[in-house]
Structures are given as C-alpha cells and as structure tokens.
C-alpha cells in the first residue's frame, strides 16, 4: 500500500477557505446555499447546505471510478470539510 498523501487534506482546506471559495460565492451568498434552495425546489424536498456538500463529495467519489485524478480526492475531502463546518454551526458545535 502506498503511504497516505498528507498534502491532499492541506490542499482541500485551502480550497474551502481560500480563493476558490470566494470565487463561487454570488454577491456574498455561498453557492451551497443557492444550490440547496434550487435542489429543494426541484426535488420538492428539503436539502440542506450540508446535504449539498455530501452529494457533491459523492459526485467526486463517483468520478474516481474512471481512474485516478488527484483533484477528485482533494475536492471530495474539501466538500466533507465544508459539510462538517456547516453541520457544526447548525448544531451549535455538538
């Protein structure tokens, strides 16, 4: 087994709190909030911002079935980090 690439987690953190995070916000509103509203309306069920992150991570995980692309792993970890932060803020840190 190859050793774990520890830089993936660091790169994922940089995406979540860095330049890419800012570039996907629309006039200060996080894109995951916009997507959660759109998906909720389209599916006629409540989709939370954390749900969006989990589903986007699953999309990235699904892409790994076609072969190794480091970016898919970095993005999946980033989405899960964001989901954790959103859930923690919603649940009051419990």
N, C-alpha and C. Protein backbone atom coordinates (compact mmCIF):
# COMPACT_ATOMS: atom_id res chain seq x y z
N UNK A 1 0.84 -1.18 0.00
CA UNK A 1 0.00 0.00 0.00
C UNK A 1 0.89 1.25 0.00
N UNK A 2 0.52 2.22 -0.79
CA UNK A 2 1.24 3.48 -0.82
C UNK A 2 0.90 4.30 0.41
N UNK A 3 1.85 5.09 0.88
CA UNK A 3 1.56 5.94 2.04
C UNK A 3 0.50 6.99 1.68
N UNK A 4 -0.19 7.45 2.69
CA UNK A 4 -1.23 8.48 2.51
C UNK A 4 -0.57 9.79 2.09
N UNK A 5 -1.15 10.42 1.09
CA UNK A 5 -0.67 11.73 0.64
C UNK A 5 -1.27 12.80 1.55
N UNK A 6 -0.50 13.24 2.52
CA UNK A 6 -0.99 14.21 3.51
C UNK A 6 -1.25 15.58 2.90
N UNK A 7 -0.75 15.84 1.72
CA UNK A 7 -0.96 17.16 1.11
C UNK A 7 -2.39 17.32 0.60
N UNK A 8 -3.10 16.20 0.39
CA UNK A 8 -4.48 16.29 -0.09
C UNK A 8 -5.34 17.06 0.92
N UNK A 9 -5.21 16.74 2.19
CA UNK A 9 -6.01 17.43 3.22
C UNK A 9 -5.67 18.92 3.26
N UNK A 10 -4.39 19.24 3.19
CA UNK A 10 -4.00 20.65 3.20
C UNK A 10 -4.51 21.39 1.99
N UNK A 11 -4.44 20.75 0.83
CA UNK A 11 -4.96 21.38 -0.39
C UNK A 11 -6.47 21.56 -0.30
N UNK A 12 -7.16 20.60 0.30
CA UNK A 12 -8.62 20.70 0.45
C UNK A 12 -8.98 21.87 1.36
N UNK A 13 -8.25 22.04 2.45
CA UNK A 13 -8.50 23.17 3.34
C UNK A 13 -8.31 24.48 2.59
N UNK A 14 -7.27 24.56 1.80
CA UNK A 14 -7.01 25.78 1.03
C UNK A 14 -8.15 26.10 0.08
N UNK A 15 -8.77 25.06 -0.49
CA UNK A 15 -9.91 25.28 -1.39
C UNK A 15 -11.12 25.80 -0.64
N UNK A 16 -11.37 25.24 0.52
CA UNK A 16 -12.57 25.59 1.29
C UNK A 16 -12.49 27.01 1.84
N UNK A 17 -11.32 27.42 2.27
CA UNK A 17 -11.19 28.74 2.89
C UNK A 17 -10.45 29.74 2.01
N UNK A 18 -10.05 29.31 0.84
CA UNK A 18 -9.22 30.16 0.00
C UNK A 18 -9.92 30.80 -1.17
N UNK A 19 -9.14 31.00 -2.19
CA UNK A 19 -9.58 31.74 -3.37
C UNK A 19 -10.78 31.11 -4.07
N UNK A 20 -10.79 29.79 -4.19
CA UNK A 20 -11.90 29.14 -4.88
C UNK A 20 -13.21 29.33 -4.13
N UNK A 21 -13.15 29.29 -2.81
CA UNK A 21 -14.37 29.51 -2.02
C UNK A 21 -14.95 30.88 -2.31
N UNK A 22 -14.10 31.87 -2.37
CA UNK A 22 -14.57 33.23 -2.66
C UNK A 22 -15.12 33.35 -4.07
N UNK A 23 -14.52 32.63 -5.01
CA UNK A 23 -14.94 32.78 -6.41
C UNK A 23 -16.29 32.12 -6.68
N UNK A 24 -16.76 31.23 -5.81
CA UNK A 24 -18.04 30.57 -6.02
C UNK A 24 -19.18 31.18 -5.23
N UNK A 25 -18.91 32.22 -4.49
CA UNK A 25 -19.98 32.93 -3.80
C UNK A 25 -20.59 33.95 -4.75
N UNK A 26 -21.91 34.11 -4.67
CA UNK A 26 -22.62 35.07 -5.53
C UNK A 26 -23.06 36.25 -4.67
N UNK A 27 -22.39 37.36 -4.84
CA UNK A 27 -22.72 38.56 -4.07
C UNK A 27 -22.74 38.28 -2.57
N UNK A 28 -21.76 37.52 -2.11
CA UNK A 28 -21.64 37.23 -0.69
C UNK A 28 -22.47 36.05 -0.21
N UNK A 29 -23.30 35.48 -1.08
CA UNK A 29 -24.10 34.32 -0.68
C UNK A 29 -23.39 33.04 -1.13
N UNK A 30 -23.13 32.13 -0.20
CA UNK A 30 -22.42 30.90 -0.55
C UNK A 30 -23.17 30.10 -1.61
N UNK A 31 -22.42 29.54 -2.54
CA UNK A 31 -23.04 28.76 -3.62
C UNK A 31 -23.78 27.55 -3.09
N UNK A 32 -23.30 26.94 -1.98
CA UNK A 32 -24.02 25.78 -1.44
C UNK A 32 -25.41 26.17 -0.96
N UNK A 33 -25.58 27.39 -0.50
CA UNK A 33 -26.91 27.85 -0.08
C UNK A 33 -27.82 27.99 -1.30
N UNK A 34 -27.29 28.55 -2.36
CA UNK A 34 -28.06 28.71 -3.59
C UNK A 34 -28.44 27.34 -4.15
N UNK A 35 -27.47 26.43 -4.20
CA UNK A 35 -27.74 25.08 -4.72
C UNK A 35 -28.75 24.35 -3.85
N UNK A 36 -28.66 24.50 -2.53
CA UNK A 36 -29.62 23.81 -1.65
C UNK A 36 -31.04 24.29 -1.93
N UNK A 37 -31.20 25.58 -2.17
CA UNK A 37 -32.54 26.10 -2.50
C UNK A 37 -33.03 25.56 -3.84
N UNK A 38 -32.15 25.57 -4.83
CA UNK A 38 -32.53 25.08 -6.17
C UNK A 38 -32.90 23.60 -6.13
N UNK A 39 -32.06 22.79 -5.49
CA UNK A 39 -32.34 21.36 -5.41
C UNK A 39 -33.60 21.09 -4.60
N UNK A 40 -33.81 21.84 -3.52
CA UNK A 40 -35.01 21.68 -2.71
C UNK A 40 -36.26 21.96 -3.54
N UNK A 41 -36.23 23.04 -4.30
CA UNK A 41 -37.38 23.39 -5.14
C UNK A 41 -37.59 22.34 -6.23
N UNK A 42 -36.52 21.93 -6.87
CA UNK A 42 -36.62 20.97 -7.97
C UNK A 42 -37.13 19.61 -7.50
N UNK A 43 -36.62 19.14 -6.36
CA UNK A 43 -36.98 17.82 -5.85
C UNK A 43 -38.20 17.84 -4.94
N UNK A 44 -38.62 19.04 -4.53
CA UNK A 44 -39.74 19.22 -3.62
C UNK A 44 -39.50 18.51 -2.29
N UNK A 45 -38.24 18.58 -1.83
CA UNK A 45 -37.84 18.07 -0.51
C UNK A 45 -36.81 19.05 0.05
N UNK A 46 -36.65 19.02 1.35
CA UNK A 46 -35.67 19.90 1.97
C UNK A 46 -34.26 19.37 1.82
N UNK A 47 -33.40 20.13 1.17
CA UNK A 47 -31.99 19.79 1.01
C UNK A 47 -31.19 20.86 1.74
N UNK A 48 -30.41 20.45 2.72
CA UNK A 48 -29.61 21.40 3.47
C UNK A 48 -28.30 21.70 2.74
N UNK A 49 -27.63 22.74 3.19
CA UNK A 49 -26.33 23.07 2.63
C UNK A 49 -25.34 21.93 2.85
N UNK A 50 -25.41 21.29 4.01
CA UNK A 50 -24.54 20.15 4.28
C UNK A 50 -24.88 18.99 3.35
N UNK A 51 -26.17 18.78 3.06
CA UNK A 51 -26.57 17.74 2.11
C UNK A 51 -25.93 17.98 0.74
N UNK A 52 -25.92 19.24 0.31
CA UNK A 52 -25.30 19.59 -0.98
C UNK A 52 -23.84 19.18 -0.96
N UNK A 53 -23.15 19.49 0.12
CA UNK A 53 -21.73 19.13 0.22
C UNK A 53 -21.52 17.62 0.16
N UNK A 54 -22.35 16.87 0.89
CA UNK A 54 -22.23 15.41 0.86
C UNK A 54 -22.47 14.87 -0.55
N UNK A 55 -23.48 15.40 -1.22
CA UNK A 55 -23.80 14.91 -2.56
C UNK A 55 -22.72 15.30 -3.57
N UNK A 56 -22.14 16.47 -3.40
CA UNK A 56 -21.05 16.87 -4.29
C UNK A 56 -19.82 16.00 -4.04
N UNK A 57 -19.58 15.64 -2.77
CA UNK A 57 -18.48 14.72 -2.46
C UNK A 57 -18.73 13.37 -3.12
N UNK A 58 -19.97 12.91 -3.08
CA UNK A 58 -20.30 11.65 -3.74
C UNK A 58 -20.09 11.72 -5.25
N UNK A 59 -20.39 12.86 -5.84
CA UNK A 59 -20.11 13.05 -7.26
C UNK A 59 -18.61 12.89 -7.53
N UNK A 60 -17.80 13.53 -6.70
CA UNK A 60 -16.35 13.44 -6.87
C UNK A 60 -15.86 12.01 -6.65
N UNK A 61 -16.44 11.31 -5.67
CA UNK A 61 -16.08 9.92 -5.41
C UNK A 61 -16.46 9.06 -6.61
N UNK A 62 -17.64 9.30 -7.17
CA UNK A 62 -18.06 8.56 -8.36
C UNK A 62 -17.10 8.75 -9.52
N UNK A 63 -16.55 9.93 -9.66
CA UNK A 63 -15.60 10.19 -10.75
C UNK A 63 -14.32 9.37 -10.61
N UNK A 64 -13.99 8.95 -9.39
CA UNK A 64 -12.77 8.16 -9.20
C UNK A 64 -12.89 6.78 -9.82
N UNK A 65 -14.10 6.36 -10.15
CA UNK A 65 -14.30 5.05 -10.77
C UNK A 65 -13.68 4.98 -12.17
N UNK A 66 -13.48 6.16 -12.78
CA UNK A 66 -12.92 6.17 -14.13
C UNK A 66 -11.39 6.26 -14.12
N UNK A 67 -10.80 6.27 -12.94
CA UNK A 67 -9.35 6.32 -12.83
C UNK A 67 -8.90 7.38 -11.84
N UNK A 68 -7.63 7.33 -11.52
CA UNK A 68 -7.09 8.23 -10.51
C UNK A 68 -6.93 9.64 -11.07
N UNK A 69 -7.54 10.57 -10.37
CA UNK A 69 -7.33 12.00 -10.61
C UNK A 69 -7.29 12.64 -9.22
N UNK A 70 -6.14 13.12 -8.87
CA UNK A 70 -5.92 13.67 -7.53
C UNK A 70 -6.96 14.74 -7.19
N UNK A 71 -7.31 15.55 -8.16
CA UNK A 71 -8.25 16.64 -7.96
C UNK A 71 -9.60 16.14 -7.41
N UNK A 72 -10.04 14.97 -7.85
CA UNK A 72 -11.31 14.41 -7.37
C UNK A 72 -11.24 14.13 -5.87
N UNK A 73 -10.11 13.62 -5.41
CA UNK A 73 -9.94 13.33 -3.99
C UNK A 73 -9.84 14.62 -3.17
N UNK A 74 -9.10 15.59 -3.69
CA UNK A 74 -8.99 16.87 -2.99
C UNK A 74 -10.36 17.52 -2.86
N UNK A 75 -11.12 17.53 -3.95
CA UNK A 75 -12.45 18.15 -3.92
C UNK A 75 -13.39 17.41 -2.98
N UNK A 76 -13.35 16.07 -2.98
CA UNK A 76 -14.23 15.29 -2.09
C UNK A 76 -13.93 15.61 -0.63
N UNK A 77 -12.65 15.66 -0.28
CA UNK A 77 -12.27 15.99 1.09
C UNK A 77 -12.72 17.42 1.42
N UNK A 78 -12.54 18.33 0.48
CA UNK A 78 -12.96 19.72 0.70
C UNK A 78 -14.45 19.83 0.96
N UNK A 79 -15.25 19.12 0.16
CA UNK A 79 -16.70 19.16 0.38
C UNK A 79 -17.08 18.60 1.74
N UNK A 80 -16.40 17.56 2.18
CA UNK A 80 -16.71 16.99 3.50
C UNK A 80 -16.27 17.91 4.63
N UNK A 81 -15.16 18.60 4.45
CA UNK A 81 -14.75 19.60 5.45
C UNK A 81 -15.78 20.71 5.56
N UNK A 82 -16.28 21.15 4.42
CA UNK A 82 -17.31 22.19 4.42
C UNK A 82 -18.60 21.68 5.05
N UNK A 83 -18.98 20.44 4.75
CA UNK A 83 -20.18 19.85 5.34
C UNK A 83 -20.06 19.78 6.86
N UNK A 84 -18.89 19.40 7.34
CA UNK A 84 -18.67 19.32 8.79
C UNK A 84 -18.82 20.69 9.43
N UNK A 85 -18.23 21.71 8.81
CA UNK A 85 -18.32 23.07 9.36
C UNK A 85 -19.76 23.57 9.36
N UNK A 86 -20.49 23.30 8.29
CA UNK A 86 -21.89 23.72 8.23
C UNK A 86 -22.74 23.01 9.27
N UNK A 87 -22.54 21.70 9.41
CA UNK A 87 -23.31 20.93 10.38
C UNK A 87 -22.99 21.35 11.80
N UNK A 88 -21.70 21.59 12.06
CA UNK A 88 -21.29 22.03 13.39
C UNK A 88 -21.92 23.38 13.73
N UNK A 89 -21.98 24.29 12.77
CA UNK A 89 -22.58 25.60 13.05
C UNK A 89 -24.10 25.49 13.22
N UNK A 90 -24.71 24.58 12.49
CA UNK A 90 -26.16 24.38 12.60
C UNK A 90 -26.53 23.73 13.93
N UNK A 91 -25.71 22.77 14.35
CA UNK A 91 -26.00 22.03 15.59
C UNK A 91 -25.39 22.69 16.83
N UNK A 92 -24.80 23.83 16.68
CA UNK A 92 -24.23 24.53 17.81
C UNK A 92 -22.94 23.94 18.34
N UNK A 93 -22.21 23.23 17.47
CA UNK A 93 -20.91 22.71 17.88
C UNK A 93 -20.95 21.39 18.60
N UNK A 94 -22.10 20.73 18.64
CA UNK A 94 -22.20 19.44 19.33
C UNK A 94 -21.68 18.32 18.48
